[in-house]
Amino acid sequence: MVKSFRCAARHGYAVEVSPFIANRTAVAASQHYGIAGSGTLLVLDETDTGVTVFRSWQWGDGLFDVSWSEVNEHVLVAGGGDGSLQLWDSTNHSAPIRVAKEHTQEVYSVDWSQTRGENLIVSGSWDQTAKVWDASLSRSLTTFRGHEGVVYSTIWSPHIPGCFASASGDGTLRVWDVKSAACRLAIPAHKAEILSCDWCKYDQFSPFSATVLASCSYDFTVRFWDYTRTQPLLDTVEHHSEFVCGLDFNLHIPNQVVDCSWDETVKIYTPACLSAATAP
């Protein structure tokens, strides 16, 4: 069964399931496809009968990404089209805890460190830089320069302390070391813009199957893959009518997936192909 939530007049850019609460998802969305207008940050709860709003906040510019704190179940960070990062508390109904605005263009990516002993945030921007922040967003600790295009994705290694990867419109994938404030590896990965990157978490792709992964696309689809099979495509899900920009596995509920699209909807579902692929 697919449970659907409509973000009225807002186009979904990112979703992330809470690392603490199994039925809770954060959504970053923008008005007018992120080109103009305001943004909305939503915290949604899945119920037995559907999807409800636990909390929502409006922001004066589009919101493009969101990440939950790894140490506080109530706190999350979002990146905005005005170059800002905002720290939000889901127990607070009104304003963000803090707003940091050092980037000079859109913040397109935010991520919270998962490694033990660290509590850091990384952001990536259209100003071609990445920045690392302390958890309070009081100020950036380091600015990383080297990309020659928009930084679309920044994500912490789940295993290596002080290490994050970035993907850019310049066609490169880079790996950075926070301690030395240097790029350790630059890979010319594509001949065109790279929109996203990720690490192999928990030595798996799907949280519950070591060989299964998922992708979402501007072709309006979500696809599921098993790279060990001769025909790796397991299924193509076509339940959106616009670009699908956000996708996440639920770490708590086996085979459950959350996605969001420019068609103003968030979908929570368990594809039949995943149950078949991960069956013993």
Protein backbone atom coordinates (compact mmCIF):
# COMPACT_ATOMS: atom_id res chain seq x y z
CA MET A 1 0.00 0.00 0.00
CA VAL A 2 1.23 3.49 -0.87
CA LYS A 3 0.53 6.25 1.63
CA SER A 4 0.61 9.69 0.07
CA PHE A 5 0.86 13.22 1.44
CA ARG A 6 0.28 16.33 -0.64
CA CYS A 7 2.54 19.35 -0.06
CA ALA A 8 0.12 21.95 -1.43
CA ALA A 9 1.88 24.32 -3.86
CA ARG A 10 5.28 23.00 -2.74
CA HIS A 11 7.63 20.87 -4.83
CA GLY A 12 9.62 18.22 -2.97
CA TYR A 13 13.41 18.34 -3.09
CA ALA A 14 14.59 16.05 -0.27
CA VAL A 15 13.33 13.53 2.26
CA GLU A 16 15.08 11.93 5.22
CA VAL A 17 13.69 9.40 7.68
CA SER A 18 14.45 10.12 11.33
CA PRO A 19 17.32 8.03 12.73
CA PHE A 20 15.40 7.84 16.02
CA ILE A 21 11.66 7.59 15.23
CA ALA A 22 10.60 4.90 12.77
CA ASN A 23 7.49 6.61 11.43
CA ARG A 24 8.88 10.16 11.16
CA THR A 25 10.20 11.81 7.97
CA ALA A 26 11.48 15.30 7.22
CA VAL A 27 10.77 16.93 3.85
CA ALA A 28 12.39 19.99 2.28
CA ALA A 29 10.15 21.61 -0.34
CA SER A 30 10.05 24.74 -2.45
CA GLN A 31 7.49 26.94 -4.16
CA HIS A 32 7.57 27.35 -7.96
CA TYR A 33 9.97 24.40 -8.44
CA GLY A 34 12.64 26.20 -6.41
CA ILE A 35 13.09 28.92 -9.02
CA ALA A 36 11.31 31.61 -7.01
CA GLY A 37 9.17 32.03 -3.93
CA SER A 38 9.35 30.50 -0.47
CA GLY A 39 10.00 27.11 1.05
CA THR A 40 8.46 24.72 3.55
CA LEU A 41 10.09 22.30 5.98
CA LEU A 42 7.76 19.50 7.00
CA VAL A 43 8.00 16.80 9.65
CA LEU A 44 5.56 14.05 8.74
CA ASP A 45 4.36 11.06 10.75
CA GLU A 46 3.08 7.87 9.15
CA THR A 47 -0.04 6.52 10.86
CA ASP A 48 -2.15 3.40 10.37
CA THR A 49 -4.43 5.29 8.03
CA GLY A 50 -2.14 7.74 6.24
CA VAL A 51 0.40 10.53 6.73
CA THR A 52 -0.06 13.50 9.06
CA VAL A 53 1.87 16.72 9.70
CA PHE A 54 3.70 16.69 13.03
CA ARG A 55 5.29 20.07 12.42
CA SER A 56 5.76 22.51 9.53
CA TRP A 57 7.65 25.75 9.11
CA GLN A 58 7.75 28.34 6.34
CA TRP A 59 10.95 29.90 5.06
CA GLY A 60 11.37 33.00 2.89
CA ASP A 61 13.27 31.15 0.16
CA GLY A 62 13.20 27.67 -1.31
CA LEU A 63 14.50 24.74 0.75
CA PHE A 64 16.60 22.14 -1.04
CA ASP A 65 17.87 19.66 1.56
CA VAL A 66 17.33 18.49 5.13
CA SER A 67 19.22 16.31 7.59
CA TRP A 68 18.40 15.04 11.08
CA SER A 69 20.76 15.42 14.00
CA GLU A 70 22.45 12.15 14.93
CA VAL A 71 22.42 13.02 18.67
CA ASN A 72 19.08 14.78 19.26
CA GLU A 73 15.84 13.33 17.93
CA HIS A 74 14.15 16.75 17.81
CA VAL A 75 16.75 18.72 15.85
CA LEU A 76 17.26 19.01 12.10
CA VAL A 77 19.11 21.29 9.68
CA ALA A 78 17.90 22.59 6.31
CA GLY A 79 19.61 24.37 3.42
CA GLY A 80 17.98 27.31 1.63
CA GLY A 81 18.04 29.18 -1.63
CA ASP A 82 19.06 32.35 0.19
CA GLY A 83 22.44 30.81 1.08
CA SER A 84 21.39 30.00 4.64
CA LEU A 85 21.43 26.97 6.88
CA GLN A 86 18.67 26.85 9.49
CA LEU A 87 18.69 24.77 12.66
CA TRP A 88 15.19 23.69 13.65
CA ASP A 89 13.71 22.04 16.77
CA SER A 90 10.57 19.98 16.21
CA THR A 91 9.36 20.91 19.71
CA ASN A 92 9.44 24.59 18.67
CA HIS A 93 6.43 25.80 16.70
CA SER A 94 7.78 29.07 15.38
CA ALA A 95 11.31 30.05 14.40
CA PRO A 96 14.59 28.22 13.84
CA ILE A 97 17.03 27.91 16.72
CA ARG A 98 19.71 29.55 14.62
CA VAL A 99 20.29 30.76 11.08
CA ALA A 100 23.76 30.83 9.54
CA LYS A 101 24.35 32.62 6.27
CA GLU A 102 27.90 32.46 4.96
CA HIS A 103 27.30 30.88 1.55
CA THR A 104 26.77 33.45 -1.20
CA GLN A 105 24.41 31.30 -3.27
CA GLU A 106 21.90 28.48 -2.79
CA VAL A 107 22.71 25.80 -0.19
CA TYR A 108 21.83 22.64 -2.05
CA SER A 109 23.10 19.99 0.37
CA VAL A 110 23.35 19.48 4.13
CA ASP A 111 24.42 16.42 6.12
CA TRP A 112 24.98 15.59 9.79
CA SER A 113 28.04 13.52 10.73
CA GLN A 114 27.38 9.95 11.92
CA THR A 115 30.83 9.03 13.19
CA ARG A 116 31.30 8.52 16.92
CA GLY A 117 32.62 11.48 18.86
CA GLU A 118 31.79 13.99 16.12
CA ASN A 119 28.83 16.33 15.91
CA LEU A 120 29.43 18.27 12.71
CA ILE A 121 27.37 19.54 9.77
CA VAL A 122 28.60 19.84 6.19
CA SER A 123 26.96 22.02 3.54
CA GLY A 124 27.42 22.32 -0.22
CA SER A 125 26.47 25.37 -2.25
CA TRP A 126 26.06 26.77 -5.73
CA ASP A 127 28.87 29.16 -4.77
CA GLN A 128 31.21 26.19 -5.51
CA THR A 129 32.26 25.72 -1.88
CA ALA A 130 31.58 23.26 0.92
CA LYS A 131 31.61 24.32 4.56
CA VAL A 132 31.90 22.37 7.80
CA TRP A 133 30.06 23.71 10.85
CA ASP A 134 29.76 22.90 14.52
CA ALA A 135 26.37 21.56 15.59
CA SER A 136 25.20 24.96 16.86
CA LEU A 137 25.83 26.65 13.49
CA SER A 138 27.55 29.47 15.37
CA ARG A 139 30.02 29.84 12.49
CA SER A 140 31.66 27.66 9.88
CA LEU A 141 34.84 25.92 10.99
CA THR A 142 36.37 25.45 7.54
CA THR A 143 35.56 26.38 3.94
CA PHE A 144 36.59 23.91 1.24
CA ARG A 145 37.41 25.22 -2.22
CA GLY A 146 38.44 23.29 -5.31
CA HIS A 147 35.29 22.54 -7.28
CA GLU A 148 34.85 24.53 -10.46
CA GLY A 149 31.08 24.13 -10.59
CA VAL A 150 27.99 24.03 -8.41
CA VAL A 151 28.31 21.69 -5.41
CA TYR A 152 25.17 19.57 -5.52
CA SER A 153 25.94 16.98 -2.85
CA THR A 154 28.01 16.80 0.34
CA ILE A 155 27.87 13.74 2.57
CA TRP A 156 29.88 12.47 5.53
CA SER A 157 31.61 9.12 5.53
CA PRO A 158 29.77 6.87 8.02
CA HIS A 159 33.06 5.16 8.90
CA ILE A 160 35.98 7.63 8.59
CA PRO A 161 36.01 10.53 11.09
CA GLY A 162 36.43 13.98 9.58
CA CYS A 163 35.89 12.81 6.02
CA PHE A 164 33.18 13.80 3.54
CA ALA A 165 32.55 13.44 -0.17
CA SER A 166 31.18 16.02 -2.59
CA ALA A 167 29.72 15.90 -6.09
CA SER A 168 29.70 18.86 -8.43
CA GLY A 169 28.57 20.31 -11.70
CA ASP A 170 32.22 20.22 -12.76
CA GLY A 171 31.90 16.45 -13.26
CA THR A 172 34.15 15.49 -10.34
CA LEU A 173 33.66 13.51 -7.16
CA ARG A 174 35.95 14.70 -4.36
CA VAL A 175 36.86 13.31 -0.95
CA TRP A 176 37.90 15.84 1.70
CA ASP A 177 39.77 15.62 5.00
CA VAL A 178 38.56 18.07 7.63
CA LYS A 179 41.64 17.88 9.85
CA SER A 180 44.01 18.97 7.08
CA ALA A 181 41.35 21.07 5.31
CA ALA A 182 42.42 19.46 2.04
CA CYS A 183 41.02 17.47 -0.86
CA ARG A 184 42.42 13.93 -0.59
CA LEU A 185 40.96 12.57 -3.82
CA ALA A 186 39.48 14.11 -6.97
CA ILE A 187 37.85 11.72 -9.42
CA PRO A 188 36.67 12.82 -12.90
CA ALA A 189 33.61 10.63 -12.49
CA HIS A 190 31.29 11.89 -15.26
CA LYS A 191 31.43 13.97 -18.40
CA ALA A 192 28.45 15.99 -17.21
CA GLU A 193 27.08 17.38 -13.95
CA ILE A 194 27.02 15.02 -10.94
CA LEU A 195 23.89 15.57 -8.87
CA SER A 196 24.39 13.17 -5.97
CA CYS A 197 26.82 10.85 -4.20
CA ASP A 198 26.73 8.53 -1.22
CA TRP A 199 28.87 6.18 0.84
CA CYS A 200 28.30 2.49 1.47
CA LYS A 201 26.70 2.63 4.91
CA TYR A 202 26.87 -0.39 7.22
CA ASP A 203 28.59 -2.28 4.35
CA GLN A 204 25.22 -2.32 2.56
CA PHE A 205 23.26 -0.30 0.07
CA SER A 206 19.73 -1.09 1.15
CA PRO A 207 19.78 -1.12 4.98
CA PHE A 208 18.48 -4.68 4.92
CA SER A 209 20.10 -6.18 1.81
CA ALA A 210 23.76 -5.89 0.88
CA THR A 211 23.17 -5.91 -2.89
CA VAL A 212 20.01 -3.81 -3.32
CA LEU A 213 19.99 -0.11 -4.16
CA ALA A 214 17.45 2.47 -5.29
CA SER A 215 17.54 5.45 -7.64
CA CYS A 216 15.17 8.30 -8.48
CA SER A 217 15.13 10.36 -11.63
CA TYR A 218 13.94 13.27 -13.70
CA ASP A 219 12.11 10.62 -15.76
CA PHE A 220 9.45 10.61 -12.97
CA THR A 221 10.40 7.08 -11.78
CA VAL A 222 11.98 5.31 -8.83
CA ARG A 223 13.93 2.17 -9.70
CA PHE A 224 15.17 -0.69 -7.57
CA TRP A 225 18.25 -2.73 -8.44
CA ASP A 226 20.14 -5.83 -7.39
CA TYR A 227 23.62 -5.59 -8.89
CA THR A 228 24.32 -9.35 -8.45
CA ARG A 229 21.64 -10.34 -10.97
CA THR A 230 22.12 -10.75 -14.71
CA GLN A 231 19.20 -8.37 -15.17
CA PRO A 232 19.78 -6.02 -12.22
CA LEU A 233 16.59 -3.94 -12.54
CA LEU A 234 14.08 -5.34 -10.07
CA ASP A 235 11.25 -2.89 -10.63
CA THR A 236 10.31 0.55 -11.89
CA VAL A 237 7.83 2.48 -9.75
CA GLU A 238 5.82 5.07 -11.66
CA HIS A 239 3.61 6.85 -9.15
CA HIS A 240 4.76 10.42 -9.77
CA SER A 241 3.93 12.88 -12.54
CA GLU A 242 7.01 15.11 -12.18
CA PHE A 243 10.74 14.90 -11.36
CA VAL A 244 11.49 12.65 -8.36
CA CYS A 245 14.16 14.49 -6.38
CA GLY A 246 14.22 12.92 -2.90
CA LEU A 247 14.57 9.28 -1.87
CA ASP A 248 15.40 7.47 1.39
CA PHE A 249 15.24 3.99 2.91
CA ASN A 250 13.70 3.67 6.37
CA LEU A 251 16.42 2.22 8.61
CA HIS A 252 13.81 0.97 11.08
CA ILE A 253 11.24 -0.73 8.86
CA PRO A 254 12.57 -3.38 6.44
CA ASN A 255 12.00 -2.51 2.76
CA GLN A 256 10.07 0.70 3.41
CA VAL A 257 10.95 3.63 1.12
CA VAL A 258 10.05 7.33 1.20
CA ASP A 259 10.27 9.60 -1.84
CA CYS A 260 9.20 13.10 -2.88
CA SER A 261 8.58 14.78 -6.20
CA TRP A 262 7.97 18.07 -7.92
CA ASP A 263 4.36 16.88 -8.30
CA GLU A 264 3.86 18.12 -4.69
CA THR A 265 3.55 14.65 -3.14
CA VAL A 266 5.46 12.52 -0.66
CA LYS A 267 5.02 8.73 -0.95
CA ILE A 268 5.66 6.11 1.74
CA TYR A 269 5.57 2.53 0.48
CA THR A 270 7.09 -0.95 0.48
CA PRO A 271 7.81 -2.16 -3.08
CA ALA A 272 6.88 -5.81 -3.59
CA CYS A 273 10.16 -6.33 -5.44
CA LEU A 274 12.17 -5.59 -2.31
CA SER A 275 10.33 -8.18 -0.23
CA ALA A 276 11.02 -10.71 -2.98
CA ALA A 277 14.65 -9.68 -3.35
CA THR A 278 15.43 -9.90 0.36
CA ALA A 279 13.44 -13.03 1.14
CA PRO A 280 15.61 -15.79 2.72
